[in-house]
Amino acid sequence: MNYALLEKKLKLLPQSALDEIDSYVDYIFFKFASEESSKSVSQKKGFGCLKDIPCKMAPDFDEPLEEFAEYM
């Protein structure tokens, strides 16, 4: 789509639609800026990537919950 055709279409829209388009264009700028920054800071992720994060599980983690007793 060329700019002249896009400009003609934009001139036909009401102000509320133009405000929405303005917000969407800002979102697109933000999206592409964040994609570019994430490409520059690429991290290799895979199995074991969270191994150093401290995590505790309750000893009764696998025990049945009282709330579901009527369904069992």
PDB file of N, CA and C in Angstrom:
ATOM      1  N   MET A   1       0.858  -1.173   0.000  1.00  0.00           N
ATOM      2  CA  MET A   1       0.000   0.000   0.000  1.00  0.00           C
ATOM      3  C   MET A   1       0.904   1.235   0.000  1.00  0.00           C
ATOM      4  N   ASN A   2       0.595   2.175  -0.858  1.00  0.00           N
ATOM      5  CA  ASN A   2       1.417   3.376  -0.901  1.00  0.00           C
ATOM      6  C   ASN A   2       0.858   4.442   0.045  1.00  0.00           C
ATOM      7  N   TYR A   3       1.662   5.451   0.304  1.00  0.00           N
ATOM      8  CA  TYR A   3       1.304   6.477   1.279  1.00  0.00           C
ATOM      9  C   TYR A   3       0.124   7.335   0.827  1.00  0.00           C
ATOM     10  N   ALA A   4       0.012   7.606  -0.458  1.00  0.00           N
ATOM     11  CA  ALA A   4      -1.086   8.445  -0.954  1.00  0.00           C
ATOM     12  C   ALA A   4      -2.434   7.774  -0.713  1.00  0.00           C
ATOM     13  N   LEU A   5      -2.517   6.489  -0.989  1.00  0.00           N
ATOM     14  CA  LEU A   5      -3.764   5.755  -0.765  1.00  0.00           C
ATOM     15  C   LEU A   5      -4.094   5.691   0.730  1.00  0.00           C
ATOM     16  N   LEU A   6      -3.079   5.462   1.534  1.00  0.00           N
ATOM     17  CA  LEU A   6      -3.280   5.424   2.981  1.00  0.00           C
ATOM     18  C   LEU A   6      -3.749   6.781   3.499  1.00  0.00           C
ATOM     19  N   GLU A   7      -3.173   7.848   2.969  1.00  0.00           N
ATOM     20  CA  GLU A   7      -3.570   9.189   3.391  1.00  0.00           C
ATOM     21  C   GLU A   7      -5.025   9.478   3.013  1.00  0.00           C
ATOM     22  N   LYS A   8      -5.450   9.042   1.843  1.00  0.00           N
ATOM     23  CA  LYS A   8      -6.843   9.234   1.424  1.00  0.00           C
ATOM     24  C   LYS A   8      -7.800   8.507   2.368  1.00  0.00           C
ATOM     25  N   LYS A   9      -7.440   7.291   2.737  1.00  0.00           N
ATOM     26  CA  LYS A   9      -8.286   6.520   3.650  1.00  0.00           C
ATOM     27  C   LYS A   9      -8.341   7.169   5.026  1.00  0.00           C
ATOM     28  N   LEU A  10      -7.207   7.676   5.490  1.00  0.00           N
ATOM     29  CA  LEU A  10      -7.171   8.308   6.805  1.00  0.00           C
ATOM     30  C   LEU A  10      -8.026   9.571   6.854  1.00  0.00           C
ATOM     31  N   LYS A  11      -8.081  10.296   5.763  1.00  0.00           N
ATOM     32  CA  LYS A  11      -8.876  11.527   5.732  1.00  0.00           C
ATOM     33  C   LYS A  11     -10.371  11.245   5.834  1.00  0.00           C
ATOM     34  N   LEU A  12     -10.792  10.044   5.503  1.00  0.00           N
ATOM     35  CA  LEU A  12     -12.210   9.687   5.563  1.00  0.00           C
ATOM     36  C   LEU A  12     -12.659   9.234   6.957  1.00  0.00           C
ATOM     37  N   LEU A  13     -11.712   8.944   7.826  1.00  0.00           N
ATOM     38  CA  LEU A  13     -12.042   8.407   9.146  1.00  0.00           C
ATOM     39  C   LEU A  13     -12.412   9.508  10.136  1.00  0.00           C
ATOM     40  N   PRO A  14     -13.279   9.187  11.103  1.00  0.00           N
ATOM     41  CA  PRO A  14     -13.596  10.156  12.160  1.00  0.00           C
ATOM     42  C   PRO A  14     -12.423  10.284  13.141  1.00  0.00           C
ATOM     43  N   GLN A  15     -12.457  11.325  13.951  1.00  0.00           N
ATOM     44  CA  GLN A  15     -11.354  11.606  14.872  1.00  0.00           C
ATOM     45  C   GLN A  15     -11.131  10.468  15.864  1.00  0.00           C
ATOM     46  N   SER A  16     -12.183   9.830  16.322  1.00  0.00           N
ATOM     47  CA  SER A  16     -12.022   8.735  17.289  1.00  0.00           C
ATOM     48  C   SER A  16     -11.230   7.581  16.680  1.00  0.00           C
ATOM     49  N   ALA A  17     -11.466   7.301  15.401  1.00  0.00           N
ATOM     50  CA  ALA A  17     -10.714   6.240  14.728  1.00  0.00           C
ATOM     51  C   ALA A  17      -9.260   6.657  14.541  1.00  0.00           C
ATOM     52  N   LEU A  18      -9.029   7.934  14.273  1.00  0.00           N
ATOM     53  CA  LEU A  18      -7.655   8.421  14.118  1.00  0.00           C
ATOM     54  C   LEU A  18      -6.891   8.325  15.432  1.00  0.00           C
ATOM     55  N   ASP A  19      -7.572   8.580  16.546  1.00  0.00           N
ATOM     56  CA  ASP A  19      -6.937   8.435  17.852  1.00  0.00           C
ATOM     57  C   ASP A  19      -6.546   6.983  18.100  1.00  0.00           C
ATOM     58  N   GLU A  20      -7.406   6.077  17.700  1.00  0.00           N
ATOM     59  CA  GLU A  20      -7.120   4.648  17.851  1.00  0.00           C
ATOM     60  C   GLU A  20      -5.932   4.238  16.983  1.00  0.00           C
ATOM     61  N   ILE A  21      -5.887   4.751  15.770  1.00  0.00           N
ATOM     62  CA  ILE A  21      -4.774   4.450  14.863  1.00  0.00           C
ATOM     63  C   ILE A  21      -3.477   5.001  15.428  1.00  0.00           C
ATOM     64  N   ASP A  22      -3.539   6.192  16.012  1.00  0.00           N
ATOM     65  CA  ASP A  22      -2.356   6.791  16.622  1.00  0.00           C
ATOM     66  C   ASP A  22      -1.822   5.908  17.743  1.00  0.00           C
ATOM     67  N   SER A  23      -2.716   5.390  18.575  1.00  0.00           N
ATOM     68  CA  SER A  23      -2.302   4.493  19.660  1.00  0.00           C
ATOM     69  C   SER A  23      -1.695   3.212  19.102  1.00  0.00           C
ATOM     70  N   TYR A  24      -2.282   2.696  18.041  1.00  0.00           N
ATOM     71  CA  TYR A  24      -1.775   1.462  17.447  1.00  0.00           C
ATOM     72  C   TYR A  24      -0.395   1.670  16.833  1.00  0.00           C
ATOM     73  N   VAL A  25      -0.180   2.811  16.203  1.00  0.00           N
ATOM     74  CA  VAL A  25       1.135   3.106  15.624  1.00  0.00           C
ATOM     75  C   VAL A  25       2.177   3.208  16.733  1.00  0.00           C
ATOM     76  N   ASP A  26       1.825   3.830  17.852  1.00  0.00           N
ATOM     77  CA  ASP A  26       2.745   3.888  18.992  1.00  0.00           C
ATOM     78  C   ASP A  26       3.075   2.488  19.486  1.00  0.00           C
ATOM     79  N   TYR A  27       2.069   1.617  19.535  1.00  0.00           N
ATOM     80  CA  TYR A  27       2.289   0.229  19.949  1.00  0.00           C
ATOM     81  C   TYR A  27       3.250  -0.482  18.998  1.00  0.00           C
ATOM     82  N   ILE A  28       3.079  -0.265  17.702  1.00  0.00           N
ATOM     83  CA  ILE A  28       3.955  -0.911  16.721  1.00  0.00           C
ATOM     84  C   ILE A  28       5.392  -0.429  16.894  1.00  0.00           C
ATOM     85  N   PHE A  29       5.582   0.885  17.110  1.00  0.00           N
ATOM     86  CA  PHE A  29       6.929   1.402  17.362  1.00  0.00           C
ATOM     87  C   PHE A  29       7.532   0.738  18.592  1.00  0.00           C
ATOM     88  N   PHE A  30       6.755   0.629  19.665  1.00  0.00           N
ATOM     89  CA  PHE A  30       7.238   0.001  20.889  1.00  0.00           C
ATOM     90  C   PHE A  30       7.588  -1.461  20.652  1.00  0.00           C
ATOM     91  N   LYS A  31       6.735  -2.161  19.925  1.00  0.00           N
ATOM     92  CA  LYS A  31       6.943  -3.584  19.663  1.00  0.00           C
ATOM     93  C   LYS A  31       8.241  -3.816  18.897  1.00  0.00           C
ATOM     94  N   PHE A  32       8.470  -3.053  17.834  1.00  0.00           N
ATOM     95  CA  PHE A  32       9.673  -3.253  17.046  1.00  0.00           C
ATOM     96  C   PHE A  32      10.920  -2.783  17.783  1.00  0.00           C
ATOM     97  N   ALA A  33      10.801  -1.763  18.611  1.00  0.00           N
ATOM     98  CA  ALA A  33      11.944  -1.318  19.403  1.00  0.00           C
ATOM     99  C   ALA A  33      12.323  -2.383  20.424  1.00  0.00           C
ATOM    100  N   SER A  34      11.330  -3.016  21.042  1.00  0.00           N
ATOM    101  CA  SER A  34      11.628  -4.056  22.029  1.00  0.00           C
ATOM    102  C   SER A  34      12.175  -5.313  21.357  1.00  0.00           C
ATOM    103  N   GLU A  35      11.721  -5.620  20.140  1.00  0.00           N
ATOM    104  CA  GLU A  35      12.266  -6.771  19.416  1.00  0.00           C
ATOM    105  C   GLU A  35      13.725  -6.534  19.058  1.00  0.00           C
ATOM    106  N   GLU A  36      14.061  -5.319  18.659  1.00  0.00           N
ATOM    107  CA  GLU A  36      15.441  -4.997  18.317  1.00  0.00           C
ATOM    108  C   GLU A  36      16.333  -5.094  19.549  1.00  0.00           C
ATOM    109  N   SER A  37      15.849  -4.612  20.691  1.00  0.00           N
ATOM    110  CA  SER A  37      16.662  -4.679  21.897  1.00  0.00           C
ATOM    111  C   SER A  37      16.806  -6.117  22.381  1.00  0.00           C
ATOM    112  N   SER A  38      15.791  -6.946  22.178  1.00  0.00           N
ATOM    113  CA  SER A  38      15.892  -8.340  22.605  1.00  0.00           C
ATOM    114  C   SER A  38      16.825  -9.128  21.695  1.00  0.00           C
ATOM    115  N   LYS A  39      16.940  -8.726  20.440  1.00  0.00           N
ATOM    116  CA  LYS A  39      17.876  -9.394  19.541  1.00  0.00           C
ATOM    117  C   LYS A  39      19.310  -9.114  19.956  1.00  0.00           C
ATOM    118  N   SER A  40      19.567  -7.903  20.441  1.00  0.00           N
ATOM    119  CA  SER A  40      20.926  -7.554  20.821  1.00  0.00           C
ATOM    120  C   SER A  40      21.335  -8.233  22.124  1.00  0.00           C
ATOM    121  N   VAL A  41      20.381  -8.585  22.949  1.00  0.00           N
ATOM    122  CA  VAL A  41      20.666  -9.244  24.220  1.00  0.00           C
ATOM    123  C   VAL A  41      20.138 -10.666  24.143  1.00  0.00           C
ATOM    124  N   SER A  42      20.644 -11.428  23.221  1.00  0.00           N
ATOM    125  CA  SER A  42      20.155 -12.795  23.071  1.00  0.00           C
ATOM    126  C   SER A  42      20.811 -13.690  24.115  1.00  0.00           C
ATOM    127  N   GLN A  43      20.012 -14.484  24.747  1.00  0.00           N
ATOM    128  CA  GLN A  43      20.495 -15.420  25.743  1.00  0.00           C
ATOM    129  C   GLN A  43      20.116 -16.819  25.302  1.00  0.00           C
ATOM    130  N   LYS A  44      21.028 -17.736  25.507  1.00  0.00           N
ATOM    131  CA  LYS A  44      20.743 -19.112  25.162  1.00  0.00           C
ATOM    132  C   LYS A  44      19.925 -19.723  26.296  1.00  0.00           C
ATOM    133  N   LYS A  45      18.744 -20.185  25.952  1.00  0.00           N
ATOM    134  CA  LYS A  45      17.867 -20.779  26.947  1.00  0.00           C
ATOM    135  C   LYS A  45      17.633 -22.237  26.592  1.00  0.00           C
ATOM    136  N   GLY A  46      17.444 -23.015  27.587  1.00  0.00           N
ATOM    137  CA  GLY A  46      17.189 -24.420  27.357  1.00  0.00           C
ATOM    138  C   GLY A  46      17.020 -25.135  28.681  1.00  0.00           C
ATOM    139  N   PHE A  47      17.234 -26.437  28.664  1.00  0.00           N
ATOM    140  CA  PHE A  47      17.088 -27.222  29.873  1.00  0.00           C
ATOM    141  C   PHE A  47      18.114 -26.784  30.909  1.00  0.00           C
ATOM    142  N   GLY A  48      17.652 -26.635  32.128  1.00  0.00           N
ATOM    143  CA  GLY A  48      18.537 -26.268  33.219  1.00  0.00           C
ATOM    144  C   GLY A  48      18.779 -24.784  33.352  1.00  0.00           C
ATOM    145  N   CYS A  49      18.072 -23.965  32.610  1.00  0.00           N
ATOM    146  CA  CYS A  49      18.323 -22.525  32.677  1.00  0.00           C
ATOM    147  C   CYS A  49      17.854 -21.926  33.999  1.00  0.00           C
ATOM    148  N   LEU A  50      16.991 -22.611  34.724  1.00  0.00           N
ATOM    149  CA  LEU A  50      16.493 -22.110  36.001  1.00  0.00           C
ATOM    150  C   LEU A  50      17.074 -22.870  37.189  1.00  0.00           C
ATOM    151  N   LYS A  51      18.168 -23.585  36.985  1.00  0.00           N
ATOM    152  CA  LYS A  51      18.693 -24.440  38.045  1.00  0.00           C
ATOM    153  C   LYS A  51      19.224 -23.653  39.238  1.00  0.00           C
ATOM    154  N   ASP A  52      19.646 -22.411  39.047  1.00  0.00           N
ATOM    155  CA  ASP A  52      20.219 -21.633  40.142  1.00  0.00           C
ATOM    156  C   ASP A  52      19.190 -20.796  40.888  1.00  0.00           C
ATOM    157  N   ILE A  53      17.936 -20.873  40.504  1.00  0.00           N
ATOM    158  CA  ILE A  53      16.895 -20.098  41.166  1.00  0.00           C
ATOM    159  C   ILE A  53      16.420 -20.877  42.388  1.00  0.00           C
ATOM    160  N   PRO A  54      16.494 -20.241  43.567  1.00  0.00           N
ATOM    161  CA  PRO A  54      16.067 -20.958  44.772  1.00  0.00           C
ATOM    162  C   PRO A  54      14.561 -21.204  44.758  1.00  0.00           C
ATOM    163  N   CYS A  55      14.186 -22.425  45.061  1.00  0.00           N
ATOM    164  CA  CYS A  55      12.779 -22.808  45.027  1.00  0.00           C
ATOM    165  C   CYS A  55      12.539 -23.851  46.106  1.00  0.00           C
ATOM    166  N   LYS A  56      11.477 -23.662  46.869  1.00  0.00           N
ATOM    167  CA  LYS A  56      11.114 -24.633  47.902  1.00  0.00           C
ATOM    168  C   LYS A  56       9.732 -25.165  47.600  1.00  0.00           C
ATOM    169  N   MET A  57       9.579 -26.465  47.743  1.00  0.00           N
ATOM    170  CA  MET A  57       8.265 -27.079  47.605  1.00  0.00           C
ATOM    171  C   MET A  57       7.875 -27.633  48.967  1.00  0.00           C
ATOM    172  N   ALA A  58       6.628 -27.494  49.281  1.00  0.00           N
ATOM    173  CA  ALA A  58       6.135 -28.000  50.555  1.00  0.00           C
ATOM    174  C   ALA A  58       6.255 -29.521  50.577  1.00  0.00           C
ATOM    175  N   PRO A  59       6.525 -30.102  51.747  1.00  0.00           N
ATOM    176  CA  PRO A  59       6.643 -31.562  51.828  1.00  0.00           C
ATOM    177  C   PRO A  59       5.363 -32.288  51.416  1.00  0.00           C
ATOM    178  N   ASP A  60       4.224 -31.645  51.603  1.00  0.00           N
ATOM    179  CA  ASP A  60       2.954 -32.277  51.249  1.00  0.00           C
ATOM    180  C   ASP A  60       2.441 -31.808  49.882  1.00  0.00           C
ATOM    181  N   PHE A  61       3.328 -31.446  48.997  1.00  0.00           N
ATOM    182  CA  PHE A  61       2.950 -30.920  47.684  1.00  0.00           C
ATOM    183  C   PHE A  61       2.097 -31.912  46.897  1.00  0.00           C
ATOM    184  N   ASP A  62       2.441 -33.183  46.941  1.00  0.00           N
ATOM    185  CA  ASP A  62       1.734 -34.196  46.156  1.00  0.00           C
ATOM    186  C   ASP A  62       0.501 -34.769  46.856  1.00  0.00           C
ATOM    187  N   GLU A  63       0.246 -34.348  48.069  1.00  0.00           N
ATOM    188  CA  GLU A  63      -0.903 -34.859  48.809  1.00  0.00           C
ATOM    189  C   GLU A  63      -2.201 -34.307  48.217  1.00  0.00           C
ATOM    190  N   PRO A  64      -3.297 -35.074  48.295  1.00  0.00           N
ATOM    191  CA  PRO A  64      -4.584 -34.575  47.779  1.00  0.00           C
ATOM    192  C   PRO A  64      -5.076 -33.375  48.594  1.00  0.00           C
ATOM    193  N   LEU A  65      -5.712 -32.450  47.937  1.00  0.00           N
ATOM    194  CA  LEU A  65      -6.235 -31.263  48.602  1.00  0.00           C
ATOM    195  C   LEU A  65      -7.598 -31.556  49.213  1.00  0.00           C
ATOM    196  N   GLU A  66      -7.848 -30.969  50.377  1.00  0.00           N
ATOM    197  CA  GLU A  66      -9.126 -31.176  51.054  1.00  0.00           C
ATOM    198  C   GLU A  66     -10.287 -30.617  50.237  1.00  0.00           C
ATOM    199  N   GLU A  67     -10.032 -29.548  49.491  1.00  0.00           N
ATOM    200  CA  GLU A  67     -11.092 -28.915  48.711  1.00  0.00           C
ATOM    201  C   GLU A  67     -11.645 -29.838  47.627  1.00  0.00           C
ATOM    202  N   PHE A  68     -10.841 -30.793  47.174  1.00  0.00           N
ATOM    203  CA  PHE A  68     -11.266 -31.684  46.101  1.00  0.00           C
ATOM    204  C   PHE A  68     -11.694 -33.058  46.608  1.00  0.00           C
ATOM    205  N   ALA A  69     -11.856 -33.215  47.916  1.00  0.00           N
ATOM    206  CA  ALA A  69     -12.211 -34.513  48.488  1.00  0.00           C
ATOM    207  C   ALA A  69     -13.553 -35.009  47.960  1.00  0.00           C
ATOM    208  N   GLU A  70     -14.508 -34.124  47.773  1.00  0.00           N
ATOM    209  CA  GLU A  70     -15.827 -34.551  47.302  1.00  0.00           C
ATOM    210  C   GLU A  70     -15.802 -35.004  45.846  1.00  0.00           C
ATOM    211  N   TYR A  71     -14.801 -34.620  45.087  1.00  0.00           N
ATOM    212  CA  TYR A  71     -14.712 -35.029  43.682  1.00  0.00           C
ATOM    213  C   TYR A  71     -13.961 -36.343  43.496  1.00  0.00           C
ATOM    214  N   MET A  72     -13.285 -36.803  44.519  1.00  0.00           N
ATOM    215  CA  MET A  72     -12.462 -38.013  44.389  1.00  0.00           C
ATOM    216  C   MET A  72     -13.218 -39.236  44.822  1.00  0.00           C
TER     217      MET A  72
END
